[in-house]
C-alpha cells in the first residue's frame, strides 16, 4: 500500500489533553495518497478505553490505512490521531500490532520469537520511544507461552508449526510488551474455520483479561460481528463521517448461535451490498 506520510497539522489543536476514558480519537483527520485522492476527509471518530471494535467495509475503503494511522506508521495529511490523550507523531510503545503474515523470524524458535520485542526494548531501555519510561528490562515470556498453549512448542521453529500456532506466537510476542491498545489487520484470514474461531475466542478472552482496547480490521462479515461490540463501517472514499453499528450482544455466551448475530450479519451484508449497487439511471 503506497501513500504519502505527511506531517500532522497542529494548527487549532491543543498541546495538552485532559485525561478521559477515550483511548482513540481522530480529529478532523484527512489522509490522501500521492495521487491526491483523499481516503479520509475531516474524519472524526472516538473509541473508549477497553472497547472492542471491528473495522469493515468494501475493498479500497481505507481499513488498513486507518489502522496504520492509528499505529503512527502513517501520519495524517492534516488533522490528528490522538491515542490515550497524546497526538501521534510516531509509533507509541504501548500499541501492539498483529498482522496477517505473523512476522516471525524463521531461524528463531517460538520462545525467541516471543521475546523479540522485549529484546529490542532491553537494548534501547526505557526511553519513552521504544519502551515506556517506566519499563524494567526483562525477558519473561513463559507465562504468555503457557497462556497461549505454546509451552510444549517453545523450542520449535516457525516452519514446524501450524498456522494457528504461528499466529499464537505472534500474539504472545505482542502481549509480552503489555500494550493497552491492540490493533489487528486480518489476523485470522488465512486459517481454517475451526482454528479461526478458536483464535477469535482466545483473542476476546485475552482482551478482557488484560483490559485492552481492541481494533480489528476484517473483510469478513461474520468476524466483524463476533469481534466488535462496535463496528466501524467505512464507505468508498473519501470517508467523511464515522458510521458506527452498535453490537453490544457480541460479548455474550452463545452469541454465534443467537438471533442477534443473525440480525447483525444481515445488516452488515445489506450495507456492504449497497456500496456496490449501481446508481439508478436518471429519469424524466
C-alpha atoms as a PDB file:
ATOM      1  CA  UNK A   1       0.000   0.000   0.000  1.00  0.00           C
ATOM      2  CA  UNK A   2       1.565   3.263  -1.108  1.00  0.00           C
ATOM      3  CA  UNK A   3       0.813   6.672   0.230  1.00  0.00           C
ATOM      4  CA  UNK A   4       2.319   9.889   1.438  1.00  0.00           C
ATOM      5  CA  UNK A   5       3.450  10.002   5.027  1.00  0.00           C
ATOM      6  CA  UNK A   6       2.766  13.602   5.874  1.00  0.00           C
ATOM      7  CA  UNK A   7       3.417  15.752   8.926  1.00  0.00           C
ATOM      8  CA  UNK A   8       0.311  16.125  11.117  1.00  0.00           C
ATOM      9  CA  UNK A   9      -1.136  19.603  11.082  1.00  0.00           C
ATOM     10  CA  UNK A  10      -1.103  21.149  14.562  1.00  0.00           C
ATOM     11  CA  UNK A  11      -2.970  24.363  13.840  1.00  0.00           C
ATOM     12  CA  UNK A  12      -6.000  24.688  16.039  1.00  0.00           C
ATOM     13  CA  UNK A  13      -5.185  21.553  18.078  1.00  0.00           C
ATOM     14  CA  UNK A  14      -4.456  21.762  21.792  1.00  0.00           C
ATOM     15  CA  UNK A  15      -0.952  20.883  23.033  1.00  0.00           C
ATOM     16  CA  UNK A  16      -2.283  19.085  26.113  1.00  0.00           C
ATOM     17  CA  UNK A  17      -5.308  16.904  26.641  1.00  0.00           C
ATOM     18  CA  UNK A  18      -7.482  16.463  29.687  1.00  0.00           C
ATOM     19  CA  UNK A  19      -7.437  12.789  30.746  1.00  0.00           C
ATOM     20  CA  UNK A  20     -10.622  10.996  29.735  1.00  0.00           C
ATOM     21  CA  UNK A  21     -11.837   7.460  29.102  1.00  0.00           C
ATOM     22  CA  UNK A  22     -11.177   7.960  25.377  1.00  0.00           C
ATOM     23  CA  UNK A  23      -8.393   5.738  24.010  1.00  0.00           C
ATOM     24  CA  UNK A  24      -8.639   6.669  20.303  1.00  0.00           C
ATOM     25  CA  UNK A  25      -9.758   9.910  18.726  1.00  0.00           C
ATOM     26  CA  UNK A  26      -9.365  11.132  15.175  1.00  0.00           C
ATOM     27  CA  UNK A  27      -9.754  14.910  14.956  1.00  0.00           C
ATOM     28  CA  UNK A  28     -10.651  16.252  11.512  1.00  0.00           C
ATOM     29  CA  UNK A  29      -8.434  13.521  10.100  1.00  0.00           C
ATOM     30  CA  UNK A  30      -7.580  13.811   6.427  1.00  0.00           C
ATOM     31  CA  UNK A  31      -5.307  11.469   4.527  1.00  0.00           C
ATOM     32  CA  UNK A  32      -4.521  11.480   0.812  1.00  0.00           C
ATOM     33  CA  UNK A  33      -2.339   9.300  -1.369  1.00  0.00           C
ATOM     34  CA  UNK A  34       0.304  10.773  -3.681  1.00  0.00           C
ATOM     35  CA  UNK A  35      -2.319  10.906  -6.411  1.00  0.00           C
ATOM     36  CA  UNK A  36      -4.228  13.479  -4.379  1.00  0.00           C
ATOM     37  CA  UNK A  37      -7.138  11.103  -3.765  1.00  0.00           C
ATOM     38  CA  UNK A  38      -8.420  11.509  -0.216  1.00  0.00           C
ATOM     39  CA  UNK A  39      -9.205   8.323   1.685  1.00  0.00           C
ATOM     40  CA  UNK A  40     -10.325  10.310   4.752  1.00  0.00           C
ATOM     41  CA  UNK A  41     -11.511  13.894   4.778  1.00  0.00           C
ATOM     42  CA  UNK A  42     -12.194  15.702   8.084  1.00  0.00           C
ATOM     43  CA  UNK A  43     -12.965  12.323   9.640  1.00  0.00           C
ATOM     44  CA  UNK A  44     -13.908  12.311  13.339  1.00  0.00           C
ATOM     45  CA  UNK A  45     -14.185   9.122  15.399  1.00  0.00           C
ATOM     46  CA  UNK A  46     -13.780   8.066  19.043  1.00  0.00           C
ATOM     47  CA  UNK A  47     -13.206   4.738  20.769  1.00  0.00           C
ATOM     48  CA  UNK A  48     -13.391   4.374  24.522  1.00  0.00           C
ATOM     49  CA  UNK A  49     -10.796   2.578  26.613  1.00  0.00           C
ATOM     50  CA  UNK A  50     -11.455  -1.175  26.860  1.00  0.00           C
ATOM     51  CA  UNK A  51     -13.855  -1.367  23.902  1.00  0.00           C
ATOM     52  CA  UNK A  52     -13.683  -3.926  21.100  1.00  0.00           C
ATOM     53  CA  UNK A  53     -14.044  -2.528  17.577  1.00  0.00           C
ATOM     54  CA  UNK A  54     -14.202  -4.188  14.176  1.00  0.00           C
ATOM     55  CA  UNK A  55     -13.492  -2.104  11.082  1.00  0.00           C
ATOM     56  CA  UNK A  56     -15.245  -3.319   7.963  1.00  0.00           C
ATOM     57  CA  UNK A  57     -16.078  -2.015   4.521  1.00  0.00           C
ATOM     58  CA  UNK A  58     -15.556  -2.693   0.810  1.00  0.00           C
ATOM     59  CA  UNK A  59     -12.108  -3.234  -0.677  1.00  0.00           C
ATOM     60  CA  UNK A  60     -10.169   0.004  -1.069  1.00  0.00           C
ATOM     61  CA  UNK A  61     -12.198   1.921   1.523  1.00  0.00           C
ATOM     62  CA  UNK A  62      -9.215   2.617   3.797  1.00  0.00           C
ATOM     63  CA  UNK A  63      -9.466  -0.043   6.519  1.00  0.00           C
ATOM     64  CA  UNK A  64      -5.769  -0.880   6.649  1.00  0.00           C
ATOM     65  CA  UNK A  65      -4.828   2.744   6.021  1.00  0.00           C
ATOM     66  CA  UNK A  66      -6.789   3.757   9.122  1.00  0.00           C
ATOM     67  CA  UNK A  67      -5.073   1.033  11.146  1.00  0.00           C
ATOM     68  CA  UNK A  68      -1.646   2.295  10.064  1.00  0.00           C
ATOM     69  CA  UNK A  69      -2.675   5.822  11.001  1.00  0.00           C
ATOM     70  CA  UNK A  70      -3.615   4.521  14.465  1.00  0.00           C
ATOM     71  CA  UNK A  71      -0.175   2.923  14.832  1.00  0.00           C
ATOM     72  CA  UNK A  72       1.709   6.051  13.793  1.00  0.00           C
ATOM     73  CA  UNK A  73       3.277   4.229  10.838  1.00  0.00           C
ATOM     74  CA  UNK A  74       1.436   6.711   8.623  1.00  0.00           C
ATOM     75  CA  UNK A  75       0.764  10.306   9.573  1.00  0.00           C
ATOM     76  CA  UNK A  76      -2.230  12.425   8.570  1.00  0.00           C
ATOM     77  CA  UNK A  77      -2.172  14.845   5.693  1.00  0.00           C
ATOM     78  CA  UNK A  78      -3.995  17.126   8.115  1.00  0.00           C
ATOM     79  CA  UNK A  79      -5.795  16.800  11.410  1.00  0.00           C
ATOM     80  CA  UNK A  80      -4.614  14.460  14.147  1.00  0.00           C
ATOM     81  CA  UNK A  81      -4.796  10.964  15.565  1.00  0.00           C
ATOM     82  CA  UNK A  82      -4.870  11.057  19.367  1.00  0.00           C
ATOM     83  CA  UNK A  83      -4.108   7.909  21.365  1.00  0.00           C
ATOM     84  CA  UNK A  84      -4.500   7.952  25.147  1.00  0.00           C
ATOM     85  CA  UNK A  85      -4.614  11.766  25.155  1.00  0.00           C
ATOM     86  CA  UNK A  86      -1.441  12.180  23.064  1.00  0.00           C
ATOM     87  CA  UNK A  87      -1.351  13.255  19.416  1.00  0.00           C
ATOM     88  CA  UNK A  88       0.653  10.707  17.429  1.00  0.00           C
ATOM     89  CA  UNK A  89       3.863  11.826  15.760  1.00  0.00           C
ATOM     90  CA  UNK A  90       5.468   8.351  15.765  1.00  0.00           C
ATOM     91  CA  UNK A  91       4.579   4.802  16.827  1.00  0.00           C
ATOM     92  CA  UNK A  92       3.973   4.560  20.576  1.00  0.00           C
ATOM     93  CA  UNK A  93       5.476   1.761  22.709  1.00  0.00           C
ATOM     94  CA  UNK A  94       2.170   0.620  24.220  1.00  0.00           C
ATOM     95  CA  UNK A  95       0.403  -0.003  20.906  1.00  0.00           C
ATOM     96  CA  UNK A  96       0.530  -3.620  19.732  1.00  0.00           C
ATOM     97  CA  UNK A  97       0.136  -4.529  16.063  1.00  0.00           C
ATOM     98  CA  UNK A  98      -0.584  -8.039  14.755  1.00  0.00           C
ATOM     99  CA  UNK A  99      -0.585  -8.679  11.003  1.00  0.00           C
ATOM    100  CA  UNK A 100      -1.874 -11.480   8.813  1.00  0.00           C
ATOM    101  CA  UNK A 101       1.572 -12.841   7.897  1.00  0.00           C
ATOM    102  CA  UNK A 102       2.696 -13.310  11.534  1.00  0.00           C
ATOM    103  CA  UNK A 103       6.096 -11.592  11.063  1.00  0.00           C
ATOM    104  CA  UNK A 104       8.065 -14.419  12.707  1.00  0.00           C
ATOM    105  CA  UNK A 105      11.798 -14.933  12.210  1.00  0.00           C
ATOM    106  CA  UNK A 106      12.176 -18.353  10.540  1.00  0.00           C
ATOM    107  CA  UNK A 107      15.564 -19.022  12.177  1.00  0.00           C
ATOM    108  CA  UNK A 108      14.289 -18.289  15.706  1.00  0.00           C
ATOM    109  CA  UNK A 109      12.342 -20.619  17.981  1.00  0.00           C
ATOM    110  CA  UNK A 110       8.880 -19.887  19.343  1.00  0.00           C
ATOM    111  CA  UNK A 111      10.425 -18.715  22.629  1.00  0.00           C
ATOM    112  CA  UNK A 112      12.938 -16.485  20.847  1.00  0.00           C
ATOM    113  CA  UNK A 113      10.274 -15.002  18.571  1.00  0.00           C
ATOM    114  CA  UNK A 114       8.014 -14.306  21.543  1.00  0.00           C
ATOM    115  CA  UNK A 115      10.866 -12.471  23.279  1.00  0.00           C
ATOM    116  CA  UNK A 116      11.932 -10.445  20.232  1.00  0.00           C
ATOM    117  CA  UNK A 117      10.071  -7.264  21.178  1.00  0.00           C
ATOM    118  CA  UNK A 118      11.407  -7.441  24.719  1.00  0.00           C
ATOM    119  CA  UNK A 119      14.972  -7.782  23.405  1.00  0.00           C
ATOM    120  CA  UNK A 120      14.507  -4.615  21.355  1.00  0.00           C
ATOM    121  CA  UNK A 121      13.172  -2.821  24.432  1.00  0.00           C
ATOM    122  CA  UNK A 122      16.036  -4.076  26.560  1.00  0.00           C
ATOM    123  CA  UNK A 123      18.532  -2.754  24.010  1.00  0.00           C
ATOM    124  CA  UNK A 124      17.105   0.783  23.980  1.00  0.00           C
ATOM    125  CA  UNK A 125      15.961   0.925  27.589  1.00  0.00           C
ATOM    126  CA  UNK A 126      13.047   2.964  28.976  1.00  0.00           C
ATOM    127  CA  UNK A 127      13.436   5.895  26.571  1.00  0.00           C
ATOM    128  CA  UNK A 128       9.701   6.572  26.105  1.00  0.00           C
ATOM    129  CA  UNK A 129      10.029   5.854  22.381  1.00  0.00           C
ATOM    130  CA  UNK A 130      10.946   2.189  22.091  1.00  0.00           C
ATOM    131  CA  UNK A 131       9.755   1.299  25.586  1.00  0.00           C
ATOM    132  CA  UNK A 132       7.604   3.035  28.212  1.00  0.00           C
ATOM    133  CA  UNK A 133       9.535   5.316  30.539  1.00  0.00           C
ATOM    134  CA  UNK A 134       8.742   3.040  33.500  1.00  0.00           C
ATOM    135  CA  UNK A 135       9.856  -0.140  31.717  1.00  0.00           C
ATOM    136  CA  UNK A 136      12.038  -2.589  33.664  1.00  0.00           C
ATOM    137  CA  UNK A 137      14.136  -4.807  31.347  1.00  0.00           C
ATOM    138  CA  UNK A 138      13.170  -8.491  31.342  1.00  0.00           C
ATOM    139  CA  UNK A 139      12.597 -11.478  29.042  1.00  0.00           C
ATOM    140  CA  UNK A 140       9.611 -13.041  30.799  1.00  0.00           C
ATOM    141  CA  UNK A 141       7.652 -14.782  28.035  1.00  0.00           C
ATOM    142  CA  UNK A 142       6.985 -18.161  29.656  1.00  0.00           C
ATOM    143  CA  UNK A 143       3.623 -17.110  31.187  1.00  0.00           C
ATOM    144  CA  UNK A 144       2.411 -15.982  27.761  1.00  0.00           C
ATOM    145  CA  UNK A 145       3.585 -19.178  26.075  1.00  0.00           C
ATOM    146  CA  UNK A 146       1.672 -21.149  28.676  1.00  0.00           C
ATOM    147  CA  UNK A 147      -1.468 -18.997  28.383  1.00  0.00           C
ATOM    148  CA  UNK A 148      -1.459 -19.355  24.603  1.00  0.00           C
ATOM    149  CA  UNK A 149      -0.893 -23.116  24.658  1.00  0.00           C
ATOM    150  CA  UNK A 150       2.651 -22.876  23.271  1.00  0.00           C
ATOM    151  CA  UNK A 151       4.749 -24.146  26.178  1.00  0.00           C
ATOM    152  CA  UNK A 152       5.249 -27.541  24.525  1.00  0.00           C
ATOM    153  CA  UNK A 153       6.195 -25.847  21.225  1.00  0.00           C
ATOM    154  CA  UNK A 154       8.643 -23.327  22.713  1.00  0.00           C
ATOM    155  CA  UNK A 155      11.778 -24.826  21.145  1.00  0.00           C
ATOM    156  CA  UNK A 156      10.299 -25.384  17.697  1.00  0.00           C
ATOM    157  CA  UNK A 157      10.810 -23.138  14.672  1.00  0.00           C
ATOM    158  CA  UNK A 158       8.013 -21.449  12.687  1.00  0.00           C
ATOM    159  CA  UNK A 159       8.387 -23.956   9.851  1.00  0.00           C
ATOM    160  CA  UNK A 160       7.443 -26.711  12.273  1.00  0.00           C
ATOM    161  CA  UNK A 161       4.220 -25.015  13.405  1.00  0.00           C
ATOM    162  CA  UNK A 162       0.662 -24.887  12.118  1.00  0.00           C
ATOM    163  CA  UNK A 163      -0.795 -21.560  11.007  1.00  0.00           C
ATOM    164  CA  UNK A 164      -2.725 -21.252  14.239  1.00  0.00           C
ATOM    165  CA  UNK A 165       0.411 -21.869  16.323  1.00  0.00           C
ATOM    166  CA  UNK A 166       2.308 -19.243  14.341  1.00  0.00           C
ATOM    167  CA  UNK A 167      -0.426 -16.694  14.979  1.00  0.00           C
ATOM    168  CA  UNK A 168      -0.446 -17.600  18.682  1.00  0.00           C
ATOM    169  CA  UNK A 169       3.301 -16.942  18.733  1.00  0.00           C
ATOM    170  CA  UNK A 170       2.746 -13.513  17.170  1.00  0.00           C
ATOM    171  CA  UNK A 171       0.072 -12.775  19.786  1.00  0.00           C
ATOM    172  CA  UNK A 172       2.420 -13.878  22.593  1.00  0.00           C
ATOM    173  CA  UNK A 173       5.181 -11.613  21.257  1.00  0.00           C
ATOM    174  CA  UNK A 174       2.795  -8.658  21.219  1.00  0.00           C
ATOM    175  CA  UNK A 175       1.153  -9.228  24.600  1.00  0.00           C
ATOM    176  CA  UNK A 176       4.535  -9.729  26.288  1.00  0.00           C
ATOM    177  CA  UNK A 177       5.025  -5.988  25.649  1.00  0.00           C
ATOM    178  CA  UNK A 178       1.932  -5.246  27.777  1.00  0.00           C
ATOM    179  CA  UNK A 179       0.090  -2.992  25.295  1.00  0.00           C
ATOM    180  CA  UNK A 180      -3.010  -1.022  26.220  1.00  0.00           C
ATOM    181  CA  UNK A 181      -4.124  -0.827  22.565  1.00  0.00           C
ATOM    182  CA  UNK A 182      -4.137  -3.904  20.316  1.00  0.00           C
ATOM    183  CA  UNK A 183      -4.512  -3.418  16.557  1.00  0.00           C
ATOM    184  CA  UNK A 184      -5.038  -6.419  14.273  1.00  0.00           C
ATOM    185  CA  UNK A 185      -5.067  -6.470  10.460  1.00  0.00           C
ATOM    186  CA  UNK A 186      -6.868  -9.519   9.026  1.00  0.00           C
ATOM    187  CA  UNK A 187      -5.052 -11.734  11.554  1.00  0.00           C
ATOM    188  CA  UNK A 188      -7.088 -14.915  11.010  1.00  0.00           C
ATOM    189  CA  UNK A 189      -7.995 -14.751   7.322  1.00  0.00           C
ATOM    190  CA  UNK A 190      -5.557 -17.463   6.202  1.00  0.00           C
ATOM    191  CA  UNK A 191      -6.640 -20.000   8.846  1.00  0.00           C
ATOM    192  CA  UNK A 192      -9.163 -22.814   8.553  1.00  0.00           C
ATOM    193  CA  UNK A 193     -12.584 -22.185  10.073  1.00  0.00           C
ATOM    194  CA  UNK A 194     -12.201 -24.106  13.372  1.00  0.00           C
ATOM    195  CA  UNK A 195      -8.770 -22.576  14.058  1.00  0.00           C
ATOM    196  CA  UNK A 196     -10.044 -19.119  13.149  1.00  0.00           C
ATOM    197  CA  UNK A 197     -12.997 -19.413  15.519  1.00  0.00           C
ATOM    198  CA  UNK A 198     -10.765 -20.711  18.314  1.00  0.00           C
ATOM    199  CA  UNK A 199      -8.344 -17.792  17.943  1.00  0.00           C
ATOM    200  CA  UNK A 200     -11.180 -15.274  17.768  1.00  0.00           C
ATOM    201  CA  UNK A 201     -12.482 -16.580  21.088  1.00  0.00           C
ATOM    202  CA  UNK A 202      -8.989 -16.592  22.600  1.00  0.00           C
ATOM    203  CA  UNK A 203      -8.351 -13.008  21.480  1.00  0.00           C
ATOM    204  CA  UNK A 204     -11.562 -11.814  23.121  1.00  0.00           C
ATOM    205  CA  UNK A 205     -10.622 -13.645  26.328  1.00  0.00           C
ATOM    206  CA  UNK A 206      -7.182 -12.004  26.331  1.00  0.00           C
ATOM    207  CA  UNK A 207      -8.739  -8.610  25.630  1.00  0.00           C
ATOM    208  CA  UNK A 208     -10.987  -8.933  28.677  1.00  0.00           C
ATOM    209  CA  UNK A 209      -8.241 -10.337  30.919  1.00  0.00           C
ATOM    210  CA  UNK A 210      -5.827  -7.506  30.092  1.00  0.00           C
ATOM    211  CA  UNK A 211      -8.341  -4.632  29.715  1.00  0.00           C
ATOM    212  CA  UNK A 212      -7.172  -3.966  26.171  1.00  0.00           C
ATOM    213  CA  UNK A 213      -8.741  -1.649  23.652  1.00  0.00           C
ATOM    214  CA  UNK A 214      -9.047  -3.886  20.586  1.00  0.00           C
ATOM    215  CA  UNK A 215      -9.404  -2.793  16.962  1.00  0.00           C
ATOM    216  CA  UNK A 216      -9.503  -5.464  14.259  1.00  0.00           C
ATOM    217  CA  UNK A 217      -9.693  -4.902  10.509  1.00  0.00           C
ATOM    218  CA  UNK A 218     -11.567  -7.612   8.643  1.00  0.00           C
ATOM    219  CA  UNK A 219     -13.228  -8.322   5.302  1.00  0.00           C
ATOM    220  CA  UNK A 220     -15.368 -10.982   6.936  1.00  0.00           C
ATOM    221  CA  UNK A 221     -18.919 -10.004   7.912  1.00  0.00           C
ATOM    222  CA  UNK A 222     -19.091 -12.882  10.392  1.00  0.00           C
ATOM    223  CA  UNK A 223     -15.778 -11.952  12.020  1.00  0.00           C
ATOM    224  CA  UNK A 224     -16.794  -8.304  12.351  1.00  0.00           C
ATOM    225  CA  UNK A 225     -19.994  -9.400  14.086  1.00  0.00           C
ATOM    226  CA  UNK A 226     -18.134 -11.639  16.540  1.00  0.00           C
ATOM    227  CA  UNK A 227     -15.130  -9.437  17.328  1.00  0.00           C
ATOM    228  CA  UNK A 228     -16.650  -5.984  17.568  1.00  0.00           C
ATOM    229  CA  UNK A 229     -19.049  -4.774  20.244  1.00  0.00           C
ATOM    230  CA  UNK A 230     -18.977  -1.755  17.943  1.00  0.00           C
ATOM    231  CA  UNK A 231     -18.420  -1.917  14.202  1.00  0.00           C
ATOM    232  CA  UNK A 232     -16.958   0.983  12.224  1.00  0.00           C
ATOM    233  CA  UNK A 233     -18.268   0.691   8.678  1.00  0.00           C
ATOM    234  CA  UNK A 234     -16.172   2.536   6.120  1.00  0.00           C
ATOM    235  CA  UNK A 235     -17.534   3.574   2.731  1.00  0.00           C
ATOM    236  CA  UNK A 236     -15.830   4.049  -0.627  1.00  0.00           C
ATOM    237  CA  UNK A 237     -13.523   7.082  -0.222  1.00  0.00           C
ATOM    238  CA  UNK A 238     -13.465   9.761   0.802  1.00  0.00           C
ATOM    239  CA  UNK A 239     -14.756   8.839   4.257  1.00  0.00           C
ATOM    240  CA  UNK A 240     -16.107  11.993   5.871  1.00  0.00           C
ATOM    241  CA  UNK A 241     -18.050  10.636   8.827  1.00  0.00           C
ATOM    242  CA  UNK A 242     -17.897   7.608  11.094  1.00  0.00           C
ATOM    243  CA  UNK A 243     -20.768   5.169  10.602  1.00  0.00           C
ATOM    244  CA  UNK A 244     -20.954   3.065  13.756  1.00  0.00           C
ATOM    245  CA  UNK A 245     -23.077  -0.046  14.242  1.00  0.00           C
ATOM    246  CA  UNK A 246     -23.721  -0.907  17.881  1.00  0.00           C
ATOM    247  CA  UNK A 247     -23.325  -4.616  18.621  1.00  0.00           C
ATOM    248  CA  UNK A 248     -23.464  -4.985  22.444  1.00  0.00           C
ATOM    249  CA  UNK A 249     -24.507  -8.646  22.420  1.00  0.00           C
ATOM    250  CA  UNK A 250     -21.207  -9.709  20.802  1.00  0.00           C
ATOM    251  CA  UNK A 251     -19.585 -10.499  24.148  1.00  0.00           C
ATOM    252  CA  UNK A 252     -22.408 -12.710  25.385  1.00  0.00           C
ATOM    253  CA  UNK A 253     -22.036 -16.524  25.630  1.00  0.00           C
ATOM    254  CA  UNK A 254     -23.587 -18.371  22.693  1.00  0.00           C
ATOM    255  CA  UNK A 255     -23.649 -15.231  20.572  1.00  0.00           C
ATOM    256  CA  UNK A 256     -22.685 -17.041  17.351  1.00  0.00           C
ATOM    257  CA  UNK A 257     -25.916 -19.048  17.571  1.00  0.00           C
ATOM    258  CA  UNK A 258     -28.178 -16.161  18.548  1.00  0.00           C
ATOM    259  CA  UNK A 259     -30.765 -14.129  16.644  1.00  0.00           C
ATOM    260  CA  UNK A 260     -28.714 -11.005  17.422  1.00  0.00           C
ATOM    261  CA  UNK A 261     -25.792 -12.484  15.478  1.00  0.00           C
ATOM    262  CA  UNK A 262     -28.058 -13.325  12.553  1.00  0.00           C
ATOM    263  CA  UNK A 263     -29.525  -9.829  12.513  1.00  0.00           C
ATOM    264  CA  UNK A 264     -26.187  -8.010  12.681  1.00  0.00           C
ATOM    265  CA  UNK A 265     -24.664 -10.102   9.882  1.00  0.00           C
ATOM    266  CA  UNK A 266     -27.721  -9.456   7.722  1.00  0.00           C
ATOM    267  CA  UNK A 267     -27.470  -5.721   8.393  1.00  0.00           C
ATOM    268  CA  UNK A 268     -23.778  -5.650   7.556  1.00  0.00           C
ATOM    269  CA  UNK A 269     -24.327  -7.636   4.363  1.00  0.00           C
ATOM    270  CA  UNK A 270     -27.083  -5.284   3.212  1.00  0.00           C
ATOM    271  CA  UNK A 271     -24.994  -2.201   3.903  1.00  0.00           C
ATOM    272  CA  UNK A 272     -21.955  -3.593   2.104  1.00  0.00           C
ATOM    273  CA  UNK A 273     -24.055  -4.657  -0.867  1.00  0.00           C
ATOM    274  CA  UNK A 274     -25.463  -1.128  -1.050  1.00  0.00           C
ATOM    275  CA  UNK A 275     -21.946   0.242  -1.618  1.00  0.00           C
ATOM    276  CA  UNK A 276     -21.543  -1.873  -4.754  1.00  0.00           C
ATOM    277  CA  UNK A 277     -25.064  -1.397  -6.102  1.00  0.00           C
ATOM    278  CA  UNK A 278     -25.161   0.593  -9.381  1.00  0.00           C
ATOM    279  CA  UNK A 279     -26.706   4.023  -9.144  1.00  0.00           C
ATOM    280  CA  UNK A 280     -30.194   4.294 -10.598  1.00  0.00           C
ATOM    281  CA  UNK A 281     -30.333   5.850 -14.032  1.00  0.00           C
ATOM    282  CA  UNK A 282     -31.877   9.346 -14.091  1.00  0.00           C
ATOM    283  CA  UNK A 283     -35.472   9.509 -15.333  1.00  0.00           C
ATOM    284  CA  UNK A 284     -37.547  12.217 -16.917  1.00  0.00           C
END
